[in-house]
Amino acid sequence: DAGTSASITLDRVIAVVNRQVILESDLEDEMQLSVLDPTMNGNAKDTKQQALDRLISRTLIQQQIQQENIPAANPTPAEIASRLREIRTDLPACVRADCASDAGWNAFLEHHELSPARVEKYLRNRLEILSFIELRFRQGIRITPEEIETYYRETLLPQYPSGQTPPPLQQVSSRVEEILFQQRVNALFDTWLSNLRSQGQILLLDPTLQRASAADDGASKE
């Protein structure tokens, strides 16, 4: 009996976010899927604390999506397929593994213990959150012609080598407007998420993660 009970692995609650639990299996899942995140440095190993911070942020966002009752935009199969294509052809870790070919992609999934269904669920979740951010924060943002012209003159033009003719403002104005939109959205989102974290009830139940969190907070204040 002792041998049988020893072989059973019990899932542990490692954090609680506004009464919603995060399990150790959730953390392991997040660390496995981090290989698909284009913002992660492919050469750096994902730490438990980094993965837990992402899980906490995503849990807070998903709770807000439910509370604010913003209609969820379900990603279409075409949108998911497009994002998957980007990962297979552009993600550095995927390029090295030749994920553009079916054989390379299947080997990549097997190496990282991932299944196509888990990858699709991961992409669907990310696209839903991106859609919420767009709906929640783009409303009310207005970019003036003066702001576009200032960015063009002070930021874009200096990037072109001397002797090279830069494109006229009219040609790139829509792209500049999109860049300024995204900067404004990112700033609003970062402030909003920071407020959610400070106002929420976040309990870390794993002593090792609590120590890591305290160390991270101390490092960020220096």
C-alpha atoms as a PDB file:
ATOM      1  CA  ASP A   1       0.000   0.000   0.000  1.00  0.00           C
ATOM      2  CA  ALA A   2       2.817   2.368   0.863  1.00  0.00           C
ATOM      3  CA  GLY A   3       4.288   1.882  -2.608  1.00  0.00           C
ATOM      4  CA  THR A   4       0.924   2.553  -4.230  1.00  0.00           C
ATOM      5  CA  SER A   5       0.297   5.781  -2.271  1.00  0.00           C
ATOM      6  CA  ALA A   6       3.829   6.998  -2.964  1.00  0.00           C
ATOM      7  CA  SER A   7       3.245   6.732  -6.712  1.00  0.00           C
ATOM      8  CA  ILE A   8       0.230   9.083  -6.586  1.00  0.00           C
ATOM      9  CA  THR A   9       1.157  12.694  -7.288  1.00  0.00           C
ATOM     10  CA  LEU A  10      -1.266  15.163  -5.762  1.00  0.00           C
ATOM     11  CA  ASP A  11      -1.755  18.520  -7.461  1.00  0.00           C
ATOM     12  CA  ARG A  12      -0.992  21.437  -5.132  1.00  0.00           C
ATOM     13  CA  VAL A  13      -2.528  24.889  -4.910  1.00  0.00           C
ATOM     14  CA  ILE A  14       0.399  27.317  -5.220  1.00  0.00           C
ATOM     15  CA  ALA A  15      -1.497  30.628  -5.445  1.00  0.00           C
ATOM     16  CA  VAL A  16      -4.966  32.113  -5.068  1.00  0.00           C
ATOM     17  CA  VAL A  17      -6.035  35.129  -7.143  1.00  0.00           C
ATOM     18  CA  ASN A  18      -9.299  36.663  -5.896  1.00  0.00           C
ATOM     19  CA  ARG A  19     -10.449  33.241  -4.671  1.00  0.00           C
ATOM     20  CA  GLN A  20      -9.453  31.537  -7.944  1.00  0.00           C
ATOM     21  CA  VAL A  21      -6.785  28.884  -7.445  1.00  0.00           C
ATOM     22  CA  ILE A  22      -3.634  28.351  -9.517  1.00  0.00           C
ATOM     23  CA  LEU A  23      -2.355  24.785  -9.355  1.00  0.00           C
ATOM     24  CA  GLU A  24       1.153  23.434  -9.643  1.00  0.00           C
ATOM     25  CA  SER A  25       0.041  21.654 -12.844  1.00  0.00           C
ATOM     26  CA  ASP A  26      -1.030  25.061 -14.253  1.00  0.00           C
ATOM     27  CA  LEU A  27       2.472  26.359 -13.584  1.00  0.00           C
ATOM     28  CA  GLU A  28       4.122  23.348 -15.242  1.00  0.00           C
ATOM     29  CA  ASP A  29       1.799  23.764 -18.239  1.00  0.00           C
ATOM     30  CA  GLU A  30       2.700  27.468 -18.518  1.00  0.00           C
ATOM     31  CA  MET A  31       6.431  26.714 -18.412  1.00  0.00           C
ATOM     32  CA  GLN A  32       6.083  24.125 -21.177  1.00  0.00           C
ATOM     33  CA  LEU A  33       4.048  26.484 -23.385  1.00  0.00           C
ATOM     34  CA  SER A  34       6.441  29.410 -22.856  1.00  0.00           C
ATOM     35  CA  VAL A  35       8.541  28.028 -25.738  1.00  0.00           C
ATOM     36  CA  LEU A  36       5.789  29.378 -28.047  1.00  0.00           C
ATOM     37  CA  ASP A  37       5.917  32.920 -26.612  1.00  0.00           C
ATOM     38  CA  PRO A  38       7.681  35.251 -29.074  1.00  0.00           C
ATOM     39  CA  THR A  39       8.522  37.710 -26.263  1.00  0.00           C
ATOM     40  CA  MET A  40      10.545  35.098 -24.384  1.00  0.00           C
ATOM     41  CA  ASN A  41      14.273  34.895 -24.985  1.00  0.00           C
ATOM     42  CA  GLY A  42      14.703  31.463 -26.513  1.00  0.00           C
ATOM     43  CA  ASN A  43      18.132  31.081 -24.920  1.00  0.00           C
ATOM     44  CA  ALA A  44      16.988  31.925 -21.392  1.00  0.00           C
ATOM     45  CA  LYS A  45      15.318  29.323 -19.181  1.00  0.00           C
ATOM     46  CA  ASP A  46      11.865  30.279 -17.987  1.00  0.00           C
ATOM     47  CA  THR A  47      11.766  30.502 -14.188  1.00  0.00           C
ATOM     48  CA  LYS A  48       8.859  29.407 -12.030  1.00  0.00           C
ATOM     49  CA  GLN A  49       8.425  32.982 -10.815  1.00  0.00           C
ATOM     50  CA  GLN A  50       8.217  34.394 -14.364  1.00  0.00           C
ATOM     51  CA  ALA A  51       5.656  31.743 -15.323  1.00  0.00           C
ATOM     52  CA  LEU A  52       3.632  32.366 -12.149  1.00  0.00           C
ATOM     53  CA  ASP A  53       3.629  36.133 -12.767  1.00  0.00           C
ATOM     54  CA  ARG A  54       2.209  35.527 -16.269  1.00  0.00           C
ATOM     55  CA  LEU A  55      -0.436  33.178 -14.850  1.00  0.00           C
ATOM     56  CA  ILE A  56      -1.476  35.726 -12.210  1.00  0.00           C
ATOM     57  CA  SER A  57      -1.723  38.522 -14.794  1.00  0.00           C
ATOM     58  CA  ARG A  58      -3.734  36.359 -17.197  1.00  0.00           C
ATOM     59  CA  THR A  59      -6.079  35.227 -14.403  1.00  0.00           C
ATOM     60  CA  LEU A  60      -6.716  38.864 -13.425  1.00  0.00           C
ATOM     61  CA  ILE A  61      -7.414  39.791 -17.063  1.00  0.00           C
ATOM     62  CA  GLN A  62      -9.797  36.863 -17.569  1.00  0.00           C
ATOM     63  CA  GLN A  63     -11.648  37.779 -14.358  1.00  0.00           C
ATOM     64  CA  GLN A  64     -12.080  41.329 -15.670  1.00  0.00           C
ATOM     65  CA  ILE A  65     -13.333  40.073 -19.038  1.00  0.00           C
ATOM     66  CA  GLN A  66     -16.107  38.245 -17.152  1.00  0.00           C
ATOM     67  CA  GLN A  67     -16.869  41.175 -14.818  1.00  0.00           C
ATOM     68  CA  GLU A  68     -17.002  43.819 -17.533  1.00  0.00           C
ATOM     69  CA  ASN A  69     -19.183  41.562 -19.689  1.00  0.00           C
ATOM     70  CA  ILE A  70     -17.390  42.626 -22.859  1.00  0.00           C
ATOM     71  CA  PRO A  71     -18.519  40.294 -25.656  1.00  0.00           C
ATOM     72  CA  ALA A  72     -15.757  37.768 -26.185  1.00  0.00           C
ATOM     73  CA  ALA A  73     -14.532  37.700 -29.741  1.00  0.00           C
ATOM     74  CA  ASN A  74     -14.053  34.044 -30.524  1.00  0.00           C
ATOM     75  CA  PRO A  75     -11.017  33.673 -32.789  1.00  0.00           C
ATOM     76  CA  THR A  76     -11.873  32.162 -36.150  1.00  0.00           C
ATOM     77  CA  PRO A  77     -10.101  29.008 -37.372  1.00  0.00           C
ATOM     78  CA  ALA A  78      -8.393  31.208 -39.984  1.00  0.00           C
ATOM     79  CA  GLU A  79      -7.012  33.559 -37.291  1.00  0.00           C
ATOM     80  CA  ILE A  80      -5.695  30.629 -35.256  1.00  0.00           C
ATOM     81  CA  ALA A  81      -4.171  29.060 -38.375  1.00  0.00           C
ATOM     82  CA  SER A  82      -2.521  32.373 -39.263  1.00  0.00           C
ATOM     83  CA  ARG A  83      -0.976  32.723 -35.783  1.00  0.00           C
ATOM     84  CA  LEU A  84       0.194  29.111 -35.890  1.00  0.00           C
ATOM     85  CA  ARG A  85       1.818  29.751 -39.285  1.00  0.00           C
ATOM     86  CA  GLU A  86       3.666  32.759 -37.819  1.00  0.00           C
ATOM     87  CA  ILE A  87       4.997  30.641 -34.952  1.00  0.00           C
ATOM     88  CA  ARG A  88       6.144  27.842 -37.249  1.00  0.00           C
ATOM     89  CA  THR A  89       7.943  30.175 -39.669  1.00  0.00           C
ATOM     90  CA  ASP A  90       9.100  33.116 -37.494  1.00  0.00           C
ATOM     91  CA  LEU A  91       9.699  31.919 -33.915  1.00  0.00           C
ATOM     92  CA  PRO A  92      13.503  31.580 -33.508  1.00  0.00           C
ATOM     93  CA  ALA A  93      13.240  28.256 -31.662  1.00  0.00           C
ATOM     94  CA  CYS A  94      10.972  26.985 -34.444  1.00  0.00           C
ATOM     95  CA  VAL A  95      13.227  28.223 -37.234  1.00  0.00           C
ATOM     96  CA  ARG A  96      16.117  26.274 -35.707  1.00  0.00           C
ATOM     97  CA  ALA A  97      13.929  23.154 -35.538  1.00  0.00           C
ATOM     98  CA  ASP A  98      12.639  23.513 -39.123  1.00  0.00           C
ATOM     99  CA  CYS A  99       9.023  23.774 -37.893  1.00  0.00           C
ATOM    100  CA  ALA A 100       7.913  24.964 -41.338  1.00  0.00           C
ATOM    101  CA  SER A 101       7.996  21.307 -42.374  1.00  0.00           C
ATOM    102  CA  ASP A 102       5.468  18.922 -40.855  1.00  0.00           C
ATOM    103  CA  ALA A 103       8.231  16.547 -39.764  1.00  0.00           C
ATOM    104  CA  GLY A 104      10.131  19.361 -38.028  1.00  0.00           C
ATOM    105  CA  TRP A 105       6.983  20.701 -36.345  1.00  0.00           C
ATOM    106  CA  ASN A 106       5.969  17.252 -35.073  1.00  0.00           C
ATOM    107  CA  ALA A 107       9.480  16.677 -33.724  1.00  0.00           C
ATOM    108  CA  PHE A 108       9.403  20.118 -32.045  1.00  0.00           C
ATOM    109  CA  LEU A 109       6.073  19.309 -30.356  1.00  0.00           C
ATOM    110  CA  GLU A 110       7.321  15.925 -29.207  1.00  0.00           C
ATOM    111  CA  HIS A 111      10.565  17.396 -27.841  1.00  0.00           C
ATOM    112  CA  HIS A 112       8.623  19.958 -25.762  1.00  0.00           C
ATOM    113  CA  GLU A 113       5.893  17.453 -24.776  1.00  0.00           C
ATOM    114  CA  LEU A 114       3.171  19.469 -26.498  1.00  0.00           C
ATOM    115  CA  SER A 115       0.181  18.348 -28.545  1.00  0.00           C
ATOM    116  CA  PRO A 116      -1.508  20.203 -31.435  1.00  0.00           C
ATOM    117  CA  ALA A 117      -4.651  20.518 -29.270  1.00  0.00           C
ATOM    118  CA  ARG A 118      -2.713  22.228 -26.447  1.00  0.00           C
ATOM    119  CA  VAL A 119      -1.056  24.609 -28.911  1.00  0.00           C
ATOM    120  CA  GLU A 120      -4.443  25.505 -30.426  1.00  0.00           C
ATOM    121  CA  LYS A 121      -5.919  26.137 -26.946  1.00  0.00           C
ATOM    122  CA  TYR A 122      -2.897  28.334 -26.089  1.00  0.00           C
ATOM    123  CA  LEU A 123      -3.325  30.400 -29.285  1.00  0.00           C
ATOM    124  CA  ARG A 124      -7.101  30.718 -28.819  1.00  0.00           C
ATOM    125  CA  ASN A 125      -6.597  32.011 -25.267  1.00  0.00           C
ATOM    126  CA  ARG A 126      -3.979  34.579 -26.363  1.00  0.00           C
ATOM    127  CA  LEU A 127      -6.136  35.843 -29.235  1.00  0.00           C
ATOM    128  CA  GLU A 128      -9.167  36.250 -26.934  1.00  0.00           C
ATOM    129  CA  ILE A 129      -7.106  38.349 -24.502  1.00  0.00           C
ATOM    130  CA  LEU A 130      -5.666  40.464 -27.340  1.00  0.00           C
ATOM    131  CA  SER A 131      -9.190  41.081 -28.627  1.00  0.00           C
ATOM    132  CA  PHE A 132     -10.294  42.211 -25.154  1.00  0.00           C
ATOM    133  CA  ILE A 133      -7.327  44.589 -24.851  1.00  0.00           C
ATOM    134  CA  GLU A 134      -8.147  46.101 -28.248  1.00  0.00           C
ATOM    135  CA  LEU A 135     -11.823  46.615 -27.352  1.00  0.00           C
ATOM    136  CA  ARG A 136     -11.127  47.830 -23.817  1.00  0.00           C
ATOM    137  CA  PHE A 137      -8.362  50.328 -24.502  1.00  0.00           C
ATOM    138  CA  ARG A 138      -8.591  51.542 -28.082  1.00  0.00           C
ATOM    139  CA  GLN A 139     -11.950  53.214 -27.497  1.00  0.00           C
ATOM    140  CA  GLY A 140     -11.604  56.937 -27.058  1.00  0.00           C
ATOM    141  CA  ILE A 141      -7.974  57.108 -28.235  1.00  0.00           C
ATOM    142  CA  ARG A 142      -7.494  59.795 -30.866  1.00  0.00           C
ATOM    143  CA  ILE A 143      -4.210  60.406 -32.660  1.00  0.00           C
ATOM    144  CA  THR A 144      -3.985  63.942 -34.090  1.00  0.00           C
ATOM    145  CA  PRO A 145      -2.303  64.876 -37.395  1.00  0.00           C
ATOM    146  CA  GLU A 146       0.143  66.964 -35.339  1.00  0.00           C
ATOM    147  CA  GLU A 147       1.223  63.888 -33.334  1.00  0.00           C
ATOM    148  CA  ILE A 148       1.714  61.902 -36.535  1.00  0.00           C
ATOM    149  CA  GLU A 149       3.804  64.669 -38.061  1.00  0.00           C
ATOM    150  CA  THR A 150       5.926  65.045 -34.901  1.00  0.00           C
ATOM    151  CA  TYR A 151       6.643  61.294 -34.776  1.00  0.00           C
ATOM    152  CA  TYR A 152       7.479  61.283 -38.478  1.00  0.00           C
ATOM    153  CA  ARG A 153       9.867  64.221 -38.154  1.00  0.00           C
ATOM    154  CA  GLU A 154      11.520  63.425 -34.805  1.00  0.00           C
ATOM    155  CA  THR A 155      11.496  59.609 -34.690  1.00  0.00           C
ATOM    156  CA  LEU A 156      11.066  58.139 -38.162  1.00  0.00           C
ATOM    157  CA  LEU A 157      13.186  60.417 -40.342  1.00  0.00           C
ATOM    158  CA  PRO A 158      16.376  60.096 -38.209  1.00  0.00           C
ATOM    159  CA  GLN A 159      16.255  56.303 -38.767  1.00  0.00           C
ATOM    160  CA  TYR A 160      17.012  56.686 -42.482  1.00  0.00           C
ATOM    161  CA  PRO A 161      20.695  56.845 -43.509  1.00  0.00           C
ATOM    162  CA  SER A 162      21.915  60.123 -44.934  1.00  0.00           C
ATOM    163  CA  GLY A 163      21.639  60.138 -48.707  1.00  0.00           C
ATOM    164  CA  GLN A 164      18.616  57.818 -48.682  1.00  0.00           C
ATOM    165  CA  THR A 165      15.315  59.443 -49.584  1.00  0.00           C
ATOM    166  CA  PRO A 166      12.729  58.741 -46.865  1.00  0.00           C
ATOM    167  CA  PRO A 167       9.104  58.056 -47.852  1.00  0.00           C
ATOM    168  CA  PRO A 168       6.804  61.089 -47.758  1.00  0.00           C
ATOM    169  CA  LEU A 169       4.577  61.569 -44.705  1.00  0.00           C
ATOM    170  CA  GLN A 170       1.414  60.783 -46.678  1.00  0.00           C
ATOM    171  CA  GLN A 171       2.784  57.349 -47.575  1.00  0.00           C
ATOM    172  CA  VAL A 172       3.541  56.270 -43.996  1.00  0.00           C
ATOM    173  CA  SER A 173       0.962  58.264 -42.007  1.00  0.00           C
ATOM    174  CA  SER A 174      -1.369  55.276 -41.440  1.00  0.00           C
ATOM    175  CA  ARG A 175       1.539  53.145 -40.218  1.00  0.00           C
ATOM    176  CA  VAL A 176       2.710  55.941 -37.884  1.00  0.00           C
ATOM    177  CA  GLU A 177      -0.833  56.313 -36.568  1.00  0.00           C
ATOM    178  CA  GLU A 178      -0.944  52.558 -35.809  1.00  0.00           C
ATOM    179  CA  ILE A 179       2.397  52.746 -33.944  1.00  0.00           C
ATOM    180  CA  LEU A 180       1.166  55.677 -31.829  1.00  0.00           C
ATOM    181  CA  PHE A 181      -2.130  53.870 -31.193  1.00  0.00           C
ATOM    182  CA  GLN A 182      -0.263  50.787 -29.971  1.00  0.00           C
ATOM    183  CA  GLN A 183       2.005  52.840 -27.695  1.00  0.00           C
ATOM    184  CA  ARG A 184      -1.037  54.525 -26.132  1.00  0.00           C
ATOM    185  CA  VAL A 185      -2.877  51.195 -25.727  1.00  0.00           C
ATOM    186  CA  ASN A 186       0.193  49.568 -24.135  1.00  0.00           C
ATOM    187  CA  ALA A 187       0.598  52.435 -21.656  1.00  0.00           C
ATOM    188  CA  LEU A 188      -3.087  52.298 -20.648  1.00  0.00           C
ATOM    189  CA  PHE A 189      -3.011  48.504 -20.372  1.00  0.00           C
ATOM    190  CA  ASP A 190       0.161  48.465 -18.235  1.00  0.00           C
ATOM    191  CA  THR A 191      -1.326  50.990 -15.796  1.00  0.00           C
ATOM    192  CA  TRP A 192      -4.637  49.085 -15.667  1.00  0.00           C
ATOM    193  CA  LEU A 193      -2.935  45.731 -15.030  1.00  0.00           C
ATOM    194  CA  SER A 194      -0.705  47.249 -12.341  1.00  0.00           C
ATOM    195  CA  ASN A 195      -3.824  48.565 -10.588  1.00  0.00           C
ATOM    196  CA  LEU A 196      -5.511  45.159 -10.845  1.00  0.00           C
ATOM    197  CA  ARG A 197      -2.493  43.512  -9.204  1.00  0.00           C
ATOM    198  CA  SER A 198      -2.347  46.076  -6.383  1.00  0.00           C
ATOM    199  CA  GLN A 199      -6.084  45.930  -5.688  1.00  0.00           C
ATOM    200  CA  GLY A 200      -6.522  42.169  -6.045  1.00  0.00           C
ATOM    201  CA  GLN A 201      -6.137  39.566  -3.335  1.00  0.00           C
ATOM    202  CA  ILE A 202      -3.126  37.534  -4.454  1.00  0.00           C
ATOM    203  CA  LEU A 203      -1.872  34.855  -2.073  1.00  0.00           C
ATOM    204  CA  LEU A 204       1.282  32.852  -2.781  1.00  0.00           C
ATOM    205  CA  LEU A 205       1.132  29.539  -0.941  1.00  0.00           C
ATOM    206  CA  ASP A 206       4.474  28.078  -2.047  1.00  0.00           C
ATOM    207  CA  PRO A 207       7.278  29.356   0.271  1.00  0.00           C
ATOM    208  CA  THR A 208       9.890  29.100  -2.509  1.00  0.00           C
ATOM    209  CA  LEU A 209       7.802  31.261  -4.827  1.00  0.00           C
ATOM    210  CA  GLN A 210       7.162  33.731  -1.993  1.00  0.00           C
ATOM    211  CA  ARG A 211      10.919  34.082  -1.477  1.00  0.00           C
ATOM    212  CA  ALA A 212      11.466  34.505  -5.214  1.00  0.00           C
ATOM    213  CA  SER A 213       8.748  37.151  -5.343  1.00  0.00           C
ATOM    214  CA  ALA A 214      10.273  39.099  -2.481  1.00  0.00           C
ATOM    215  CA  ALA A 215      13.675  38.963  -4.167  1.00  0.00           C
ATOM    216  CA  ASP A 216      12.189  40.186  -7.447  1.00  0.00           C
ATOM    217  CA  ASP A 217      10.418  43.059  -5.689  1.00  0.00           C
ATOM    218  CA  GLY A 218      13.622  44.062  -3.962  1.00  0.00           C
ATOM    219  CA  ALA A 219      15.562  43.955  -7.227  1.00  0.00           C
ATOM    220  CA  SER A 220      12.952  46.034  -9.028  1.00  0.00           C
ATOM    221  CA  LYS A 221      13.157  48.777  -6.393  1.00  0.00           C
ATOM    222  CA  GLU A 222      16.918  49.162  -6.649  1.00  0.00           C
END
